[in-house]
PDB file of N, CA and C in Angstrom:
ATOM      1  N   MET A   1      33.339 -73.497 153.275  1.00  0.00           N
ATOM      2  CA  MET A   1      32.135 -72.647 153.394  1.00  0.00           C
ATOM      3  C   MET A   1      31.037 -71.605 152.694  1.00  0.00           C
ATOM      4  N   TYR A   2      30.909 -71.904 151.580  1.00  0.00           N
ATOM      5  CA  TYR A   2      30.113 -71.333 150.836  1.00  0.00           C
ATOM      6  C   TYR A   2      29.324 -71.926 150.714  1.00  0.00           C
ATOM      7  N   GLY A   3      28.661 -72.930 151.153  1.00  0.00           N
ATOM      8  CA  GLY A   3      28.166 -73.729 151.882  1.00  0.00           C
ATOM      9  C   GLY A   3      27.172 -73.503 153.163  1.00  0.00           C
ATOM     10  N   TYR A   4      28.625 -72.791 153.676  1.00  0.00           N
ATOM     11  CA  TYR A   4      28.121 -72.634 154.936  1.00  0.00           C
ATOM     12  C   TYR A   4      26.658 -70.627 154.564  1.00  0.00           C
ATOM     13  N   PHE A   5      27.926 -70.494 154.318  1.00  0.00           N
ATOM     14  CA  PHE A   5      27.516 -68.593 153.678  1.00  0.00           C
ATOM     15  C   PHE A   5      25.520 -69.069 153.278  1.00  0.00           C
ATOM     16  N   LEU A   6      25.042 -69.460 152.382  1.00  0.00           N
ATOM     17  CA  LEU A   6      24.193 -69.914 151.256  1.00  0.00           C
ATOM     18  C   LEU A   6      23.222 -70.395 152.886  1.00  0.00           C
ATOM     19  N   ALA A   7      24.144 -72.060 153.146  1.00  0.00           N
ATOM     20  CA  ALA A   7      22.967 -71.806 154.306  1.00  0.00           C
ATOM     21  C   ALA A   7      22.201 -70.776 155.714  1.00  0.00           C
ATOM     22  N   GLY A   8      23.239 -69.804 155.213  1.00  0.00           N
ATOM     23  CA  GLY A   8      22.881 -68.627 156.425  1.00  0.00           C
ATOM     24  C   GLY A   8      21.865 -67.940 156.185  1.00  0.00           C
ATOM     25  N   LEU A   9      21.946 -67.600 154.714  1.00  0.00           N
ATOM     26  CA  LEU A   9      21.694 -66.234 153.868  1.00  0.00           C
ATOM     27  C   LEU A   9      19.963 -67.665 153.949  1.00  0.00           C
ATOM     28  N   ARG A  10      19.983 -68.320 153.631  1.00  0.00           N
ATOM     29  CA  ARG A  10      18.860 -68.891 153.792  1.00  0.00           C
ATOM     30  C   ARG A  10      17.446 -68.964 155.000  1.00  0.00           C
ATOM     31  N   GLN A  11      18.805 -69.276 155.650  1.00  0.00           N
ATOM     32  CA  GLN A  11      17.509 -68.951 157.130  1.00  0.00           C
ATOM     33  C   GLN A  11      17.316 -67.737 157.470  1.00  0.00           C
ATOM     34  N   HIS A  12      17.672 -66.406 156.874  1.00  0.00           N
ATOM     35  CA  HIS A  12      17.087 -65.905 157.156  1.00  0.00           C
ATOM     36  C   HIS A  12      16.344 -64.869 155.594  1.00  0.00           C
ATOM     37  N   TRP A  13      16.266 -65.693 155.538  1.00  0.00           N
ATOM     38  CA  TRP A  13      15.258 -65.370 153.798  1.00  0.00           C
ATOM     39  C   TRP A  13      13.869 -66.069 153.633  1.00  0.00           C
ATOM     40  N   GLU A  14      13.320 -65.773 154.909  1.00  0.00           N
ATOM     41  CA  GLU A  14      11.781 -66.735 154.653  1.00  0.00           C
ATOM     42  C   GLU A  14      11.247 -66.436 154.441  1.00  0.00           C
ATOM     43  N   PHE A  15      10.990 -64.950 153.367  1.00  0.00           N
ATOM     44  CA  PHE A  15       9.887 -64.743 153.125  1.00  0.00           C
ATOM     45  C   PHE A  15       9.462 -65.193 151.072  1.00  0.00           C
ATOM     46  N   GLY A  16      10.708 -66.529 151.271  1.00  0.00           N
ATOM     47  CA  GLY A  16       9.932 -67.254 149.756  1.00  0.00           C
ATOM     48  C   GLY A  16      11.749 -66.983 148.788  1.00  0.00           C
ATOM     49  N   MET A  17      11.921 -66.321 149.148  1.00  0.00           N
ATOM     50  CA  MET A  17      12.736 -65.610 147.712  1.00  0.00           C
ATOM     51  C   MET A  17      13.689 -67.269 147.925  1.00  0.00           C
ATOM     52  N   ALA A  18      14.018 -67.197 146.336  1.00  0.00           N
ATOM     53  CA  ALA A  18      15.662 -68.435 146.853  1.00  0.00           C
ATOM     54  C   ALA A  18      16.227 -67.829 145.892  1.00  0.00           C
ATOM     55  N   VAL A  19      17.909 -68.369 146.993  1.00  0.00           N
ATOM     56  CA  VAL A  19      19.142 -67.672 146.336  1.00  0.00           C
ATOM     57  C   VAL A  19      19.552 -68.491 145.282  1.00  0.00           C
ATOM     58  N   PRO A  20      20.142 -68.056 144.142  1.00  0.00           N
ATOM     59  CA  PRO A  20      20.224 -68.092 142.937  1.00  0.00           C
ATOM     60  C   PRO A  20      21.792 -69.069 141.961  1.00  0.00           C
ATOM     61  N   HIS A  21      21.329 -70.075 142.016  1.00  0.00           N
ATOM     62  CA  HIS A  21      23.079 -70.868 142.541  1.00  0.00           C
ATOM     63  C   HIS A  21      24.097 -69.818 141.288  1.00  0.00           C
ATOM     64  N   ILE A  22      25.083 -69.998 141.993  1.00  0.00           N
ATOM     65  CA  ILE A  22      26.322 -69.113 141.475  1.00  0.00           C
ATOM     66  C   ILE A  22      27.196 -70.649 141.534  1.00  0.00           C
ATOM     67  N   ASP A  23      27.667 -71.023 140.020  1.00  0.00           N
ATOM     68  CA  ASP A  23      28.578 -71.432 139.968  1.00  0.00           C
ATOM     69  C   ASP A  23      30.554 -70.414 140.193  1.00  0.00           C
ATOM     70  N   ILE A  24      30.900 -70.920 141.355  1.00  0.00           N
ATOM     71  CA  ILE A  24      31.954 -69.622 141.340  1.00  0.00           C
ATOM     72  C   ILE A  24      33.725 -70.166 139.849  1.00  0.00           C
ATOM     73  N   LYS A  25      33.281 -71.104 139.374  1.00  0.00           N
ATOM     74  CA  LYS A  25      33.781 -72.199 138.343  1.00  0.00           C
ATOM     75  C   LYS A  25      33.808 -71.132 137.575  1.00  0.00           C
ATOM     76  N   SER A  26      32.797 -70.946 137.280  1.00  0.00           N
ATOM     77  CA  SER A  26      32.400 -69.401 136.162  1.00  0.00           C
ATOM     78  C   SER A  26      33.019 -68.574 136.067  1.00  0.00           C
ATOM     79  N   VAL A  27      32.579 -67.900 137.085  1.00  0.00           N
ATOM     80  CA  VAL A  27      33.032 -66.083 138.311  1.00  0.00           C
ATOM     81  C   VAL A  27      34.901 -66.001 138.037  1.00  0.00           C
ATOM     82  N   ILE A  28      34.939 -67.425 137.938  1.00  0.00           N
ATOM     83  CA  ILE A  28      36.283 -66.911 137.890  1.00  0.00           C
ATOM     84  C   ILE A  28      37.100 -67.241 136.824  1.00  0.00           C
ATOM     85  N   ALA A  29      36.837 -68.383 135.783  1.00  0.00           N
ATOM     86  CA  ALA A  29      36.994 -68.021 134.195  1.00  0.00           C
ATOM     87  C   ALA A  29      36.854 -66.974 134.434  1.00  0.00           C
ATOM     88  N   PHE A  30      35.537 -66.564 134.191  1.00  0.00           N
ATOM     89  CA  PHE A  30      35.535 -65.162 133.431  1.00  0.00           C
ATOM     90  C   PHE A  30      35.751 -63.838 134.031  1.00  0.00           C
ATOM     91  N   THR A  31      36.082 -63.886 135.376  1.00  0.00           N
ATOM     92  CA  THR A  31      37.331 -63.016 135.536  1.00  0.00           C
ATOM     93  C   THR A  31      38.329 -62.148 135.108  1.00  0.00           C
ATOM     94  N   MET A  32      39.295 -63.555 134.219  1.00  0.00           N
ATOM     95  CA  MET A  32      40.025 -64.813 134.119  1.00  0.00           C
ATOM     96  C   MET A  32      40.055 -64.149 132.805  1.00  0.00           C
ATOM     97  N   PHE A  33      39.163 -63.508 132.248  1.00  0.00           N
ATOM     98  CA  PHE A  33      38.668 -63.032 130.690  1.00  0.00           C
ATOM     99  C   PHE A  33      39.038 -62.226 130.125  1.00  0.00           C
ATOM    100  N   LEU A  34      38.180 -61.758 131.743  1.00  0.00           N
ATOM    101  CA  LEU A  34      38.506 -59.966 131.555  1.00  0.00           C
ATOM    102  C   LEU A  34      39.256 -59.359 131.465  1.00  0.00           C
ATOM    103  N   LYS A  35      40.417 -59.969 132.992  1.00  0.00           N
ATOM    104  CA  LYS A  35      42.082 -59.054 132.936  1.00  0.00           C
ATOM    105  C   LYS A  35      42.675 -59.647 131.052  1.00  0.00           C
ATOM    106  N   ALA A  36      42.244 -60.650 130.886  1.00  0.00           N
ATOM    107  CA  ALA A  36      43.235 -60.890 129.977  1.00  0.00           C
ATOM    108  C   ALA A  36      42.673 -60.033 128.412  1.00  0.00           C
ATOM    109  N   PHE A  37      41.211 -59.888 128.555  1.00  0.00           N
ATOM    110  CA  PHE A  37      40.876 -59.276 127.752  1.00  0.00           C
ATOM    111  C   PHE A  37      41.529 -57.431 127.521  1.00  0.00           C
ATOM    112  N   GLY A  38      41.367 -56.996 129.271  1.00  0.00           N
ATOM    113  CA  GLY A  38      41.672 -55.828 129.878  1.00  0.00           C
ATOM    114  C   GLY A  38      43.386 -55.606 128.675  1.00  0.00           C
ATOM    115  N   GLY A  39      43.921 -56.767 129.921  1.00  0.00           N
ATOM    116  CA  GLY A  39      45.547 -57.038 129.222  1.00  0.00           C
ATOM    117  C   GLY A  39      45.694 -56.967 127.519  1.00  0.00           C
ATOM    118  N   LEU A  40      45.322 -56.959 126.434  1.00  0.00           N
ATOM    119  CA  LEU A  40      45.723 -57.387 125.732  1.00  0.00           C
ATOM    120  C   LEU A  40      45.150 -55.395 124.693  1.00  0.00           C
ATOM    121  N   LEU A  41      43.675 -55.111 125.162  1.00  0.00           N
ATOM    122  CA  LEU A  41      43.367 -53.912 125.070  1.00  0.00           C
ATOM    123  C   LEU A  41      44.774 -52.987 125.007  1.00  0.00           C
ATOM    124  N   PHE A  42      44.821 -53.082 126.374  1.00  0.00           N
ATOM    125  CA  PHE A  42      45.346 -52.033 127.252  1.00  0.00           C
ATOM    126  C   PHE A  42      46.510 -51.804 126.177  1.00  0.00           C
ATOM    127  N   ILE A  43      47.713 -53.102 125.575  1.00  0.00           N
ATOM    128  CA  ILE A  43      49.454 -53.643 125.299  1.00  0.00           C
ATOM    129  C   ILE A  43      48.448 -52.711 124.698  1.00  0.00           C
ATOM    130  N   THR A  44      46.666 -52.153 123.404  1.00  0.00           N
ATOM    131  CA  THR A  44      47.689 -52.124 122.056  1.00  0.00           C
ATOM    132  C   THR A  44      46.831 -50.035 121.975  1.00  0.00           C
ATOM    133  N   SER A  45      46.404 -50.116 123.318  1.00  0.00           N
ATOM    134  CA  SER A  45      46.926 -48.447 123.419  1.00  0.00           C
ATOM    135  C   SER A  45      44.959 -48.043 123.722  1.00  0.00           C
ATOM    136  N   SER A  46      44.640 -48.948 124.137  1.00  0.00           N
ATOM    137  CA  SER A  46      43.016 -48.634 124.456  1.00  0.00           C
ATOM    138  C   SER A  46      42.672 -48.078 125.474  1.00  0.00           C
ATOM    139  N   SER A  47      42.346 -47.012 126.084  1.00  0.00           N
ATOM    140  CA  SER A  47      42.277 -46.973 127.437  1.00  0.00           C
ATOM    141  C   SER A  47      40.509 -47.408 127.661  1.00  0.00           C
ATOM    142  N   PHE A  48      40.154 -47.942 127.050  1.00  0.00           N
ATOM    143  CA  PHE A  48      39.142 -49.152 127.746  1.00  0.00           C
ATOM    144  C   PHE A  48      39.247 -50.616 128.105  1.00  0.00           C
ATOM    145  N   GLY A  49      40.756 -50.590 127.359  1.00  0.00           N
ATOM    146  CA  GLY A  49      41.347 -51.979 128.476  1.00  0.00           C
ATOM    147  C   GLY A  49      41.623 -51.281 129.099  1.00  0.00           C
ATOM    148  N   ALA A  50      41.777 -49.979 129.918  1.00  0.00           N
ATOM    149  CA  ALA A  50      42.468 -49.728 131.586  1.00  0.00           C
ATOM    150  C   ALA A  50      42.088 -49.475 131.970  1.00  0.00           C
ATOM    151  N   VAL A  51      40.574 -49.412 131.740  1.00  0.00           N
ATOM    152  CA  VAL A  51      39.454 -49.570 132.289  1.00  0.00           C
ATOM    153  C   VAL A  51      38.696 -51.074 133.008  1.00  0.00           C
ATOM    154  N   VAL A  52      39.392 -51.304 132.388  1.00  0.00           N
ATOM    155  CA  VAL A  52      39.074 -53.200 132.372  1.00  0.00           C
ATOM    156  C   VAL A  52      39.754 -53.252 133.147  1.00  0.00           C
ATOM    157  N   LEU A  53      40.898 -53.155 133.134  1.00  0.00           N
ATOM    158  CA  LEU A  53      41.758 -53.264 134.433  1.00  0.00           C
ATOM    159  C   LEU A  53      41.986 -53.314 135.096  1.00  0.00           C
ATOM    160  N   GLY A  54      41.438 -52.321 135.762  1.00  0.00           N
ATOM    161  CA  GLY A  54      41.416 -51.284 136.671  1.00  0.00           C
ATOM    162  C   GLY A  54      39.282 -51.786 137.073  1.00  0.00           C
ATOM    163  N   ASN A  55      38.801 -52.300 136.653  1.00  0.00           N
ATOM    164  CA  ASN A  55      37.641 -52.370 137.750  1.00  0.00           C
ATOM    165  C   ASN A  55      37.603 -53.752 138.062  1.00  0.00           C
ATOM    166  N   GLY A  56      38.230 -54.844 137.182  1.00  0.00           N
ATOM    167  CA  GLY A  56      38.286 -56.366 137.186  1.00  0.00           C
ATOM    168  C   GLY A  56      38.778 -56.809 138.164  1.00  0.00           C
TER     169      GLY A  56
END
């Protein structure tokens, strides 16, 4: 499904811009890391941890 999405973008972008390759596994791993890091900060009464948890 992601490949079809990129193919559709490539059809509409005919002015020379390339679609960057994004590894979805890396995005998911980074999101999980942010949630864990925000949770640890939140447990230690950090308001920044609450912001990280709320925006992730």
